[in-house]
Amino acid sequence: MSTIITTIVLFILGFLIQAVALKVSLGMLGQAQSKNKFSTALGVTLLLSAALFITGFVPILGWFLKPLVWLLVIMVVYKIGFFKSLGVAFVQLIIQIGLKWLLALIGIGYAGQHLLV
């Protein structure tokens, strides 16, 4: 029972980390505060999670489609260009890795659990 609860808590934590990383990365790259709300980041994270989950079922091409779907969703929702969305992806990845590392230092998470949604 505790394994299920731990998995759910870590999934929610990973989801929140991704939303925070998205908001911070957009802010670092100059997105206006009025277009960069945490509620929007949560919604986009939920949309991306569902879209990337579905895309993962496409044999072989799914792995090539995932980055394109991610970039397209970010470009459309935040009305930014291709290269800025690539920058957001890179900064978001660095932030997520850093947050995951910090949480591992204080004992949240374990080696087999992926915090990145």
PDB file of N, CA and C in Angstrom:
ATOM      1  N   MET A   1       0.823  -1.198   0.000  1.00  0.00           N
ATOM      2  CA  MET A   1       0.000   0.000   0.000  1.00  0.00           C
ATOM      3  C   MET A   1       0.859   1.251   0.000  1.00  0.00           C
ATOM      4  N   SER A   2       1.919   1.253   0.790  1.00  0.00           N
ATOM      5  CA  SER A   2       2.757   2.453   0.862  1.00  0.00           C
ATOM      6  C   SER A   2       3.490   2.699  -0.450  1.00  0.00           C
ATOM      7  N   THR A   3       3.767   1.645  -1.225  1.00  0.00           N
ATOM      8  CA  THR A   3       4.420   1.818  -2.513  1.00  0.00           C
ATOM      9  C   THR A   3       3.508   2.572  -3.475  1.00  0.00           C
ATOM     10  N   ILE A   4       2.231   2.281  -3.453  1.00  0.00           N
ATOM     11  CA  ILE A   4       1.277   2.972  -4.318  1.00  0.00           C
ATOM     12  C   ILE A   4       1.189   4.444  -3.923  1.00  0.00           C
ATOM     13  N   ILE A   5       1.097   4.699  -2.639  1.00  0.00           N
ATOM     14  CA  ILE A   5       1.016   6.086  -2.161  1.00  0.00           C
ATOM     15  C   ILE A   5       2.293   6.839  -2.510  1.00  0.00           C
ATOM     16  N   THR A   6       3.439   6.206  -2.312  1.00  0.00           N
ATOM     17  CA  THR A   6       4.717   6.828  -2.648  1.00  0.00           C
ATOM     18  C   THR A   6       4.785   7.153  -4.129  1.00  0.00           C
ATOM     19  N   THR A   7       4.349   6.236  -4.966  1.00  0.00           N
ATOM     20  CA  THR A   7       4.366   6.462  -6.410  1.00  0.00           C
ATOM     21  C   THR A   7       3.461   7.621  -6.794  1.00  0.00           C
ATOM     22  N   ILE A   8       2.282   7.697  -6.213  1.00  0.00           N
ATOM     23  CA  ILE A   8       1.352   8.783  -6.507  1.00  0.00           C
ATOM     24  C   ILE A   8       1.926  10.124  -6.053  1.00  0.00           C
ATOM     25  N   VAL A   9       2.491  10.149  -4.856  1.00  0.00           N
ATOM     26  CA  VAL A   9       3.087  11.392  -4.343  1.00  0.00           C
ATOM     27  C   VAL A   9       4.247  11.838  -5.232  1.00  0.00           C
ATOM     28  N   LEU A  10       5.099  10.887  -5.637  1.00  0.00           N
ATOM     29  CA  LEU A  10       6.227  11.242  -6.497  1.00  0.00           C
ATOM     30  C   LEU A  10       5.763  11.697  -7.884  1.00  0.00           C
ATOM     31  N   PHE A  11       4.686  11.104  -8.393  1.00  0.00           N
ATOM     32  CA  PHE A  11       4.142  11.542  -9.680  1.00  0.00           C
ATOM     33  C   PHE A  11       3.632  12.977  -9.572  1.00  0.00           C
ATOM     34  N   ILE A  12       2.889  13.279  -8.520  1.00  0.00           N
ATOM     35  CA  ILE A  12       2.370  14.639  -8.326  1.00  0.00           C
ATOM     36  C   ILE A  12       3.514  15.623  -8.133  1.00  0.00           C
ATOM     37  N   LEU A  13       4.510  15.223  -7.374  1.00  0.00           N
ATOM     38  CA  LEU A  13       5.673  16.078  -7.174  1.00  0.00           C
ATOM     39  C   LEU A  13       6.401  16.336  -8.491  1.00  0.00           C
ATOM     40  N   GLY A  14       6.550  15.294  -9.302  1.00  0.00           N
ATOM     41  CA  GLY A  14       7.172  15.451 -10.616  1.00  0.00           C
ATOM     42  C   GLY A  14       6.366  16.368 -11.522  1.00  0.00           C
ATOM     43  N   PHE A  15       5.051  16.241 -11.455  1.00  0.00           N
ATOM     44  CA  PHE A  15       4.154  17.093 -12.232  1.00  0.00           C
ATOM     45  C   PHE A  15       4.331  18.559 -11.832  1.00  0.00           C
ATOM     46  N   LEU A  16       4.375  18.816 -10.525  1.00  0.00           N
ATOM     47  CA  LEU A  16       4.567  20.184 -10.032  1.00  0.00           C
ATOM     48  C   LEU A  16       5.949  20.722 -10.387  1.00  0.00           C
ATOM     49  N   ILE A  17       6.959  19.866 -10.332  1.00  0.00           N
ATOM     50  CA  ILE A  17       8.312  20.287 -10.711  1.00  0.00           C
ATOM     51  C   ILE A  17       8.341  20.701 -12.176  1.00  0.00           C
ATOM     52  N   GLN A  18       7.682  19.931 -13.028  1.00  0.00           N
ATOM     53  CA  GLN A  18       7.655  20.277 -14.442  1.00  0.00           C
ATOM     54  C   GLN A  18       6.945  21.611 -14.670  1.00  0.00           C
ATOM     55  N   ALA A  19       5.845  21.858 -13.964  1.00  0.00           N
ATOM     56  CA  ALA A  19       5.119  23.120 -14.117  1.00  0.00           C
ATOM     57  C   ALA A  19       5.962  24.297 -13.634  1.00  0.00           C
ATOM     58  N   VAL A  20       6.618  24.130 -12.498  1.00  0.00           N
ATOM     59  CA  VAL A  20       7.484  25.193 -11.977  1.00  0.00           C
ATOM     60  C   VAL A  20       8.633  25.458 -12.948  1.00  0.00           C
ATOM     61  N   ALA A  21       9.241  24.392 -13.448  1.00  0.00           N
ATOM     62  CA  ALA A  21      10.355  24.547 -14.385  1.00  0.00           C
ATOM     63  C   ALA A  21       9.908  25.254 -15.663  1.00  0.00           C
ATOM     64  N   LEU A  22       8.704  24.953 -16.143  1.00  0.00           N
ATOM     65  CA  LEU A  22       8.181  25.615 -17.336  1.00  0.00           C
ATOM     66  C   LEU A  22       7.978  27.098 -17.080  1.00  0.00           C
ATOM     67  N   LYS A  23       7.359  27.439 -15.955  1.00  0.00           N
ATOM     68  CA  LYS A  23       7.120  28.843 -15.625  1.00  0.00           C
ATOM     69  C   LYS A  23       8.430  29.608 -15.464  1.00  0.00           C
ATOM     70  N   VAL A  24       9.371  29.034 -14.741  1.00  0.00           N
ATOM     71  CA  VAL A  24      10.652  29.709 -14.510  1.00  0.00           C
ATOM     72  C   VAL A  24      11.437  29.857 -15.810  1.00  0.00           C
ATOM     73  N   SER A  25      11.453  28.815 -16.628  1.00  0.00           N
ATOM     74  CA  SER A  25      12.214  28.888 -17.878  1.00  0.00           C
ATOM     75  C   SER A  25      11.619  29.928 -18.828  1.00  0.00           C
ATOM     76  N   LEU A  26      10.307  30.016 -18.887  1.00  0.00           N
ATOM     77  CA  LEU A  26       9.684  31.052 -19.715  1.00  0.00           C
ATOM     78  C   LEU A  26       9.997  32.446 -19.179  1.00  0.00           C
ATOM     79  N   GLY A  27       9.986  32.591 -17.859  1.00  0.00           N
ATOM     80  CA  GLY A  27      10.331  33.870 -17.254  1.00  0.00           C
ATOM     81  C   GLY A  27      11.770  34.261 -17.530  1.00  0.00           C
ATOM     82  N   MET A  28      12.674  33.289 -17.487  1.00  0.00           N
ATOM     83  CA  MET A  28      14.089  33.570 -17.743  1.00  0.00           C
ATOM     84  C   MET A  28      14.329  34.002 -19.187  1.00  0.00           C
ATOM     85  N   LEU A  29      13.495  33.518 -20.095  1.00  0.00           N
ATOM     86  CA  LEU A  29      13.672  33.853 -21.504  1.00  0.00           C
ATOM     87  C   LEU A  29      12.802  35.024 -21.942  1.00  0.00           C
ATOM     88  N   GLY A  30      12.257  35.760 -20.989  1.00  0.00           N
ATOM     89  CA  GLY A  30      11.605  37.024 -21.297  1.00  0.00           C
ATOM     90  C   GLY A  30      10.125  36.985 -21.603  1.00  0.00           C
ATOM     91  N   GLN A  31       9.437  35.903 -21.253  1.00  0.00           N
ATOM     92  CA  GLN A  31       7.989  35.859 -21.464  1.00  0.00           C
ATOM     93  C   GLN A  31       7.319  36.832 -20.495  1.00  0.00           C
ATOM     94  N   ALA A  32       6.371  37.594 -20.978  1.00  0.00           N
ATOM     95  CA  ALA A  32       5.671  38.571 -20.137  1.00  0.00           C
ATOM     96  C   ALA A  32       4.969  37.873 -18.976  1.00  0.00           C
ATOM     97  N   GLN A  33       4.993  38.496 -17.813  1.00  0.00           N
ATOM     98  CA  GLN A  33       4.396  37.913 -16.612  1.00  0.00           C
ATOM     99  C   GLN A  33       2.898  37.653 -16.797  1.00  0.00           C
ATOM    100  N   SER A  34       2.225  38.500 -17.553  1.00  0.00           N
ATOM    101  CA  SER A  34       0.785  38.315 -17.764  1.00  0.00           C
ATOM    102  C   SER A  34       0.479  37.055 -18.569  1.00  0.00           C
ATOM    103  N   LYS A  35       1.431  36.591 -19.379  1.00  0.00           N
ATOM    104  CA  LYS A  35       1.241  35.371 -20.173  1.00  0.00           C
ATOM    105  C   LYS A  35       1.907  34.166 -19.532  1.00  0.00           C
ATOM    106  N   ASN A  36       2.556  34.378 -18.403  1.00  0.00           N
ATOM    107  CA  ASN A  36       3.331  33.314 -17.780  1.00  0.00           C
ATOM    108  C   ASN A  36       2.840  33.090 -16.344  1.00  0.00           C
ATOM    109  N   LYS A  37       1.635  32.567 -16.232  1.00  0.00           N
ATOM    110  CA  LYS A  37       1.043  32.308 -14.912  1.00  0.00           C
ATOM    111  C   LYS A  37       1.245  30.842 -14.542  1.00  0.00           C
ATOM    112  N   PHE A  38       1.275  30.583 -13.245  1.00  0.00           N
ATOM    113  CA  PHE A  38       1.464  29.210 -12.791  1.00  0.00           C
ATOM    114  C   PHE A  38       0.278  28.333 -13.193  1.00  0.00           C
ATOM    115  N   SER A  39      -0.912  28.895 -13.192  1.00  0.00           N
ATOM    116  CA  SER A  39      -2.086  28.112 -13.596  1.00  0.00           C
ATOM    117  C   SER A  39      -1.986  27.684 -15.065  1.00  0.00           C
ATOM    118  N   THR A  40      -1.457  28.582 -15.893  1.00  0.00           N
ATOM    119  CA  THR A  40      -1.242  28.231 -17.299  1.00  0.00           C
ATOM    120  C   THR A  40      -0.204  27.126 -17.414  1.00  0.00           C
ATOM    121  N   ALA A  41       0.877  27.241 -16.643  1.00  0.00           N
ATOM    122  CA  ALA A  41       1.923  26.220 -16.664  1.00  0.00           C
ATOM    123  C   ALA A  41       1.373  24.861 -16.221  1.00  0.00           C
ATOM    124  N   LEU A  42       0.502  24.856 -15.206  1.00  0.00           N
ATOM    125  CA  LEU A  42      -0.117  23.599 -14.780  1.00  0.00           C
ATOM    126  C   LEU A  42      -0.978  22.996 -15.881  1.00  0.00           C
ATOM    127  N   GLY A  43      -1.776  23.840 -16.541  1.00  0.00           N
ATOM    128  CA  GLY A  43      -2.621  23.363 -17.633  1.00  0.00           C
ATOM    129  C   GLY A  43      -1.811  22.834 -18.797  1.00  0.00           C
ATOM    130  N   VAL A  44      -0.754  23.552 -19.153  1.00  0.00           N
ATOM    131  CA  VAL A  44       0.105  23.115 -20.259  1.00  0.00           C
ATOM    132  C   VAL A  44       0.798  21.805 -19.890  1.00  0.00           C
ATOM    133  N   THR A  45       1.237  21.688 -18.652  1.00  0.00           N
ATOM    134  CA  THR A  45       1.886  20.459 -18.200  1.00  0.00           C
ATOM    135  C   THR A  45       0.920  19.281 -18.276  1.00  0.00           C
ATOM    136  N   LEU A  46      -0.319  19.493 -17.878  1.00  0.00           N
ATOM    137  CA  LEU A  46      -1.325  18.439 -17.974  1.00  0.00           C
ATOM    138  C   LEU A  46      -1.585  18.067 -19.435  1.00  0.00           C
ATOM    139  N   LEU A  47      -1.729  19.078 -20.289  1.00  0.00           N
ATOM    140  CA  LEU A  47      -1.941  18.841 -21.718  1.00  0.00           C
ATOM    141  C   LEU A  47      -0.766  18.087 -22.322  1.00  0.00           C
ATOM    142  N   LEU A  48       0.454  18.515 -21.989  1.00  0.00           N
ATOM    143  CA  LEU A  48       1.642  17.846 -22.523  1.00  0.00           C
ATOM    144  C   LEU A  48       1.747  16.413 -22.020  1.00  0.00           C
ATOM    145  N   SER A  49       1.430  16.186 -20.762  1.00  0.00           N
ATOM    146  CA  SER A  49       1.488  14.826 -20.220  1.00  0.00           C
ATOM    147  C   SER A  49       0.554  13.898 -20.992  1.00  0.00           C
ATOM    148  N   ALA A  50      -0.660  14.362 -21.233  1.00  0.00           N
ATOM    149  CA  ALA A  50      -1.625  13.545 -21.976  1.00  0.00           C
ATOM    150  C   ALA A  50      -1.187  13.349 -23.421  1.00  0.00           C
ATOM    151  N   ALA A  51      -0.755  14.424 -24.069  1.00  0.00           N
ATOM    152  CA  ALA A  51      -0.350  14.339 -25.473  1.00  0.00           C
ATOM    153  C   ALA A  51       0.874  13.445 -25.649  1.00  0.00           C
ATOM    154  N   LEU A  52       1.835  13.578 -24.767  1.00  0.00           N
ATOM    155  CA  LEU A  52       3.047  12.770 -24.889  1.00  0.00           C
ATOM    156  C   LEU A  52       2.789  11.312 -24.508  1.00  0.00           C
ATOM    157  N   PHE A  53       1.844  11.074 -23.604  1.00  0.00           N
ATOM    158  CA  PHE A  53       1.459   9.700 -23.272  1.00  0.00           C
ATOM    159  C   PHE A  53       0.854   9.022 -24.494  1.00  0.00           C
ATOM    160  N   ILE A  54      -0.046   9.723 -25.162  1.00  0.00           N
ATOM    161  CA  ILE A  54      -0.695   9.171 -26.361  1.00  0.00           C
ATOM    162  C   ILE A  54       0.323   9.000 -27.486  1.00  0.00           C
ATOM    163  N   THR A  55       1.188   9.972 -27.667  1.00  0.00           N
ATOM    164  CA  THR A  55       2.208   9.906 -28.720  1.00  0.00           C
ATOM    165  C   THR A  55       3.150   8.729 -28.484  1.00  0.00           C
ATOM    166  N   GLY A  56       3.365   8.366 -27.242  1.00  0.00           N
ATOM    167  CA  GLY A  56       4.248   7.252 -26.918  1.00  0.00           C
ATOM    168  C   GLY A  56       3.755   5.910 -27.431  1.00  0.00           C
ATOM    169  N   PHE A  57       2.492   5.815 -27.777  1.00  0.00           N
ATOM    170  CA  PHE A  57       1.955   4.561 -28.296  1.00  0.00           C
ATOM    171  C   PHE A  57       2.189   4.384 -29.796  1.00  0.00           C
ATOM    172  N   VAL A  58       2.676   5.414 -30.470  1.00  0.00           N
ATOM    173  CA  VAL A  58       2.958   5.310 -31.897  1.00  0.00           C
ATOM    174  C   VAL A  58       4.297   4.586 -32.050  1.00  0.00           C
ATOM    175  N   PRO A  59       4.291   3.421 -32.696  1.00  0.00           N
ATOM    176  CA  PRO A  59       5.536   2.664 -32.814  1.00  0.00           C
ATOM    177  C   PRO A  59       6.613   3.454 -33.569  1.00  0.00           C
ATOM    178  N   ILE A  60       7.794   3.393 -33.115  1.00  0.00           N
ATOM    179  CA  ILE A  60       9.018   3.989 -33.661  1.00  0.00           C
ATOM    180  C   ILE A  60       8.901   5.498 -33.850  1.00  0.00           C
ATOM    181  N   LEU A  61       7.904   5.969 -34.562  1.00  0.00           N
ATOM    182  CA  LEU A  61       7.758   7.408 -34.810  1.00  0.00           C
ATOM    183  C   LEU A  61       7.395   8.191 -33.556  1.00  0.00           C
ATOM    184  N   GLY A  62       6.868   7.529 -32.547  1.00  0.00           N
ATOM    185  CA  GLY A  62       6.468   8.205 -31.319  1.00  0.00           C
ATOM    186  C   GLY A  62       7.607   8.969 -30.681  1.00  0.00           C
ATOM    187  N   TRP A  63       8.791   8.386 -30.682  1.00  0.00           N
ATOM    188  CA  TRP A  63       9.955   9.043 -30.069  1.00  0.00           C
ATOM    189  C   TRP A  63      10.390  10.261 -30.868  1.00  0.00           C
ATOM    190  N   PHE A  64      10.126  10.269 -32.173  1.00  0.00           N
ATOM    191  CA  PHE A  64      10.439  11.443 -32.988  1.00  0.00           C
ATOM    192  C   PHE A  64       9.342  12.497 -32.897  1.00  0.00           C
ATOM    193  N   LEU A  65       8.110  12.035 -32.660  1.00  0.00           N
ATOM    194  CA  LEU A  65       6.982  12.957 -32.576  1.00  0.00           C
ATOM    195  C   LEU A  65       6.921  13.691 -31.234  1.00  0.00           C
ATOM    196  N   LYS A  66       7.385  13.053 -30.154  1.00  0.00           N
ATOM    197  CA  LYS A  66       7.291  13.662 -28.825  1.00  0.00           C
ATOM    198  C   LYS A  66       7.918  15.053 -28.754  1.00  0.00           C
ATOM    199  N   PRO A  67       9.166  15.238 -29.202  1.00  0.00           N
ATOM    200  CA  PRO A  67       9.737  16.593 -29.126  1.00  0.00           C
ATOM    201  C   PRO A  67       8.986  17.590 -29.997  1.00  0.00           C
ATOM    202  N   LEU A  68       8.512  17.134 -31.152  1.00  0.00           N
ATOM    203  CA  LEU A  68       7.778  18.037 -32.038  1.00  0.00           C
ATOM    204  C   LEU A  68       6.445  18.453 -31.421  1.00  0.00           C
ATOM    205  N   VAL A  69       5.756  17.504 -30.795  1.00  0.00           N
ATOM    206  CA  VAL A  69       4.488  17.815 -30.120  1.00  0.00           C
ATOM    207  C   VAL A  69       4.740  18.794 -28.987  1.00  0.00           C
ATOM    208  N   TRP A  70       5.800  18.552 -28.197  1.00  0.00           N
ATOM    209  CA  TRP A  70       6.132  19.433 -27.076  1.00  0.00           C
ATOM    210  C   TRP A  70       6.378  20.849 -27.590  1.00  0.00           C
ATOM    211  N   LEU A  71       7.226  20.977 -28.613  1.00  0.00           N
ATOM    212  CA  LEU A  71       7.535  22.305 -29.165  1.00  0.00           C
ATOM    213  C   LEU A  71       6.285  22.978 -29.718  1.00  0.00           C
ATOM    214  N   LEU A  72       5.456  22.230 -30.419  1.00  0.00           N
ATOM    215  CA  LEU A  72       4.243  22.793 -31.007  1.00  0.00           C
ATOM    216  C   LEU A  72       3.293  23.311 -29.934  1.00  0.00           C
ATOM    217  N   VAL A  73       3.093  22.537 -28.880  1.00  0.00           N
ATOM    218  CA  VAL A  73       2.195  22.965 -27.800  1.00  0.00           C
ATOM    219  C   VAL A  73       2.729  24.235 -27.139  1.00  0.00           C
ATOM    220  N   ILE A  74       4.009  24.281 -26.842  1.00  0.00           N
ATOM    221  CA  ILE A  74       4.600  25.464 -26.210  1.00  0.00           C
ATOM    222  C   ILE A  74       4.506  26.669 -27.137  1.00  0.00           C
ATOM    223  N   MET A  75       4.767  26.480 -28.424  1.00  0.00           N
ATOM    224  CA  MET A  75       4.695  27.585 -29.387  1.00  0.00           C
ATOM    225  C   MET A  75       3.281  28.139 -29.493  1.00  0.00           C
ATOM    226  N   VAL A  76       2.289  27.268 -29.520  1.00  0.00           N
ATOM    227  CA  VAL A  76       0.903  27.708 -29.691  1.00  0.00           C
ATOM    228  C   VAL A  76       0.367  28.360 -28.420  1.00  0.00           C
ATOM    229  N   VAL A  77       0.575  27.733 -27.280  1.00  0.00           N
ATOM    230  CA  VAL A  77       0.003  28.245 -26.034  1.00  0.00           C
ATOM    231  C   VAL A  77       0.635  29.576 -25.642  1.00  0.00           C
ATOM    232  N   TYR A  78       1.953  29.658 -25.731  1.00  0.00           N
ATOM    233  CA  TYR A  78       2.646  30.863 -25.274  1.00  0.00           C
ATOM    234  C   TYR A  78       2.948  31.854 -26.402  1.00  0.00           C
ATOM    235  N   LYS A  79       2.569  31.496 -27.625  1.00  0.00           N
ATOM    236  CA  LYS A  79       2.761  32.367 -28.794  1.00  0.00           C
ATOM    237  C   LYS A  79       4.217  32.828 -28.918  1.00  0.00           C
ATOM    238  N   ILE A  80       5.111  31.854 -28.939  1.00  0.00           N
ATOM    239  CA  ILE A  80       6.528  32.136 -29.114  1.00  0.00           C
ATOM    240  C   ILE A  80       7.034  31.387 -30.338  1.00  0.00           C
ATOM    241  N   GLY A  81       8.208  31.755 -30.808  1.00  0.00           N
ATOM    242  CA  GLY A  81       8.786  31.135 -31.991  1.00  0.00           C
ATOM    243  C   GLY A  81       9.465  29.810 -31.691  1.00  0.00           C
ATOM    244  N   PHE A  82       9.919  29.184 -32.769  1.00  0.00           N
ATOM    245  CA  PHE A  82      10.541  27.865 -32.677  1.00  0.00           C
ATOM    246  C   PHE A  82      11.813  27.889 -31.838  1.00  0.00           C
ATOM    247  N   PHE A  83      12.698  28.841 -32.113  1.00  0.00           N
ATOM    248  CA  PHE A  83      13.976  28.875 -31.409  1.00  0.00           C
ATOM    249  C   PHE A  83      13.814  29.256 -29.937  1.00  0.00           C
ATOM    250  N   LYS A  84      12.866  30.116 -29.635  1.00  0.00           N
ATOM    251  CA  LYS A  84      12.618  30.452 -28.232  1.00  0.00           C
ATOM    252  C   LYS A  84      12.044  29.244 -27.499  1.00  0.00           C
ATOM    253  N   SER A  85      11.202  28.465 -28.178  1.00  0.00           N
ATOM    254  CA  SER A  85      10.662  27.264 -27.538  1.00  0.00           C
ATOM    255  C   SER A  85      11.760  26.216 -27.329  1.00  0.00           C
ATOM    256  N   LEU A  86      12.739  26.163 -28.231  1.00  0.00           N
ATOM    257  CA  LEU A  86      13.891  25.288 -28.012  1.00  0.00           C
ATOM    258  C   LEU A  86      14.679  25.735 -26.780  1.00  0.00           C
ATOM    259  N   GLY A  87      14.839  27.043 -26.628  1.00  0.00           N
ATOM    260  CA  GLY A  87      15.508  27.578 -25.449  1.00  0.00           C
ATOM    261  C   GLY A  87      14.758  27.246 -24.186  1.00  0.00           C
ATOM    262  N   VAL A  88      13.431  27.356 -24.237  1.00  0.00           N
ATOM    263  CA  VAL A  88      12.596  27.009 -23.078  1.00  0.00           C
ATOM    264  C   VAL A  88      12.790  25.534 -22.737  1.00  0.00           C
ATOM    265  N   ALA A  89      12.827  24.679 -23.747  1.00  0.00           N
ATOM    266  CA  ALA A  89      13.016  23.245 -23.507  1.00  0.00           C
ATOM    267  C   ALA A  89      14.352  22.985 -22.815  1.00  0.00           C
ATOM    268  N   PHE A  90      15.404  23.628 -23.277  1.00  0.00           N
ATOM    269  CA  PHE A  90      16.727  23.418 -22.691  1.00  0.00           C
ATOM    270  C   PHE A  90      16.781  23.922 -21.250  1.00  0.00           C
ATOM    271  N   VAL A  91      16.293  25.138 -21.025  1.00  0.00           N
ATOM    272  CA  VAL A  91      16.317  25.710 -19.672  1.00  0.00           C
ATOM    273  C   VAL A  91      15.427  24.893 -18.740  1.00  0.00           C
ATOM    274  N   GLN A  92      14.269  24.461 -19.226  1.00  0.00           N
ATOM    275  CA  GLN A  92      13.368  23.657 -18.406  1.00  0.00           C
ATOM    276  C   GLN A  92      14.032  22.338 -18.013  1.00  0.00           C
ATOM    277  N   LEU A  93      14.731  21.721 -18.912  1.00  0.00           N
ATOM    278  CA  LEU A  93      15.420  20.472 -18.613  1.00  0.00           C
ATOM    279  C   LEU A  93      16.475  20.678 -17.529  1.00  0.00           C
ATOM    280  N   ILE A  94      17.256  21.738 -17.643  1.00  0.00           N
ATOM    281  CA  ILE A  94      18.286  22.029 -16.644  1.00  0.00           C
ATOM    282  C   ILE A  94      17.639  22.278 -15.272  1.00  0.00           C
ATOM    283  N   ILE A  95      16.551  23.038 -15.245  1.00  0.00           N
ATOM    284  CA  ILE A  95      15.859  23.325 -13.978  1.00  0.00           C
ATOM    285  C   ILE A  95      15.291  22.042 -13.372  1.00  0.00           C
ATOM    286  N   GLN A  96      14.684  21.195 -14.191  1.00  0.00           N
ATOM    287  CA  GLN A  96      14.119  19.943 -13.685  1.00  0.00           C
ATOM    288  C   GLN A  96      15.209  19.043 -13.112  1.00  0.00           C
ATOM    289  N   ILE A  97      16.327  18.957 -13.784  1.00  0.00           N
ATOM    290  CA  ILE A  97      17.428  18.130 -13.286  1.00  0.00           C
ATOM    291  C   ILE A  97      17.928  18.681 -11.955  1.00  0.00           C
ATOM    292  N   GLY A  98      18.065  20.003 -11.876  1.00  0.00           N
ATOM    293  CA  GLY A  98      18.520  20.624 -10.638  1.00  0.00           C
ATOM    294  C   GLY A  98      17.557  20.403  -9.484  1.00  0.00           C
ATOM    295  N   LEU A  99      16.271  20.568  -9.738  1.00  0.00           N
ATOM    296  CA  LEU A  99      15.268  20.350  -8.686  1.00  0.00           C
ATOM    297  C   LEU A  99      15.230  18.892  -8.242  1.00  0.00           C
ATOM    298  N   LYS A 100      15.324  17.992  -9.210  1.00  0.00           N
ATOM    299  CA  LYS A 100      15.327  16.564  -8.877  1.00  0.00           C
ATOM    300  C   LYS A 100      16.556  16.223  -8.030  1.00  0.00           C
ATOM    301  N   TRP A 101      17.689  16.794  -8.365  1.00  0.00           N
ATOM    302  CA  TRP A 101      18.912  16.557  -7.618  1.00  0.00           C
ATOM    303  C   TRP A 101      18.787  17.098  -6.190  1.00  0.00           C
ATOM    304  N   LEU A 102      18.234  18.316  -6.057  1.00  0.00           N
ATOM    305  CA  LEU A 102      18.044  18.888  -4.723  1.00  0.00           C
ATOM    306  C   LEU A 102      17.110  18.034  -3.872  1.00  0.00           C
ATOM    307  N   LEU A 103      16.031  17.562  -4.465  1.00  0.00           N
ATOM    308  CA  LEU A 103      15.101  16.706  -3.723  1.00  0.00           C
ATOM    309  C   LEU A 103      15.759  15.387  -3.330  1.00  0.00           C
ATOM    310  N   ALA A 104      16.598  14.849  -4.196  1.00  0.00           N
ATOM    311  CA  ALA A 104      17.308  13.611  -3.870  1.00  0.00           C
ATOM    312  C   ALA A 104      18.273  13.838  -2.705  1.00  0.00           C
ATOM    313  N   LEU A 105      18.851  15.030  -2.639  1.00  0.00           N
ATOM    314  CA  LEU A 105      19.769  15.337  -1.539  1.00  0.00           C
ATOM    315  C   LEU A 105      19.067  15.323  -0.184  1.00  0.00           C
ATOM    316  N   ILE A 106      17.816  15.739  -0.162  1.00  0.00           N
ATOM    317  CA  ILE A 106      17.095  15.748   1.115  1.00  0.00           C
ATOM    318  C   ILE A 106      16.285  14.472   1.333  1.00  0.00           C
ATOM    319  N   GLY A 107      16.435  13.513   0.416  1.00  0.00           N
ATOM    320  CA  GLY A 107      15.837  12.202   0.624  1.00  0.00           C
ATOM    321  C   GLY A 107      14.469  11.985   0.033  1.00  0.00           C
ATOM    322  N   ILE A 108      14.023  12.874  -0.833  1.00  0.00           N
ATOM    323  CA  ILE A 108      12.726  12.689  -1.486  1.00  0.00           C
ATOM    324  C   ILE A 108      12.972  12.060  -2.847  1.00  0.00           C
ATOM    325  N   GLY A 109      12.362  10.924  -3.057  1.00  0.00           N
ATOM    326  CA  GLY A 109      12.577  10.179  -4.290  1.00  0.00           C
ATOM    327  C   GLY A 109      13.604   9.083  -4.044  1.00  0.00           C
ATOM    328  N   TYR A 110      13.731   8.206  -5.005  1.00  0.00           N
ATOM    329  CA  TYR A 110      14.730   7.144  -4.920  1.00  0.00           C
ATOM    330  C   TYR A 110      15.220   6.847  -6.319  1.00  0.00           C
ATOM    331  N   ALA A 111      16.267   6.073  -6.427  1.00  0.00           N
ATOM    332  CA  ALA A 111      16.989   5.900  -7.687  1.00  0.00           C
ATOM    333  C   ALA A 111      16.100   5.387  -8.814  1.00  0.00           C
ATOM    334  N   GLY A 112      15.160   4.525  -8.531  1.00  0.00           N
ATOM    335  CA  GLY A 112      14.345   3.948  -9.589  1.00  0.00           C
ATOM    336  C   GLY A 112      13.153   4.791  -9.990  1.00  0.00           C
ATOM    337  N   GLN A 113      12.879   5.868  -9.290  1.00  0.00           N
ATOM    338  CA  GLN A 113      11.694   6.683  -9.546  1.00  0.00           C
ATOM    339  C   GLN A 113      12.064   7.899 -10.359  1.00  0.00           C
ATOM    340  N   HIS A 114      11.368   8.118 -11.455  1.00  0.00           N
ATOM    341  CA  HIS A 114      11.596   9.293 -12.288  1.00  0.00           C
ATOM    342  C   HIS A 114      10.661  10.407 -11.847  1.00  0.00           C
ATOM    343  N   LEU A 115      11.216  11.539 -11.446  1.00  0.00           N
ATOM    344  CA  LEU A 115      10.395  12.678 -11.042  1.00  0.00           C
ATOM    345  C   LEU A 115       9.937  13.474 -12.235  1.00  0.00           C
ATOM    346  N   LEU A 116      10.595  13.313 -13.374  1.00  0.00           N
ATOM    347  CA  LEU A 116      10.206  14.087 -14.549  1.00  0.00           C
ATOM    348  C   LEU A 116       9.007  13.411 -15.185  1.00  0.00           C
ATOM    349  N   VAL A 117       7.968  14.161 -15.371  1.00  0.00           N
ATOM    350  CA  VAL A 117       6.724  13.614 -15.926  1.00  0.00           C
ATOM    351  C   VAL A 117       6.868  13.501 -17.424  1.00  0.00           C
TER     352      VAL A 117
END
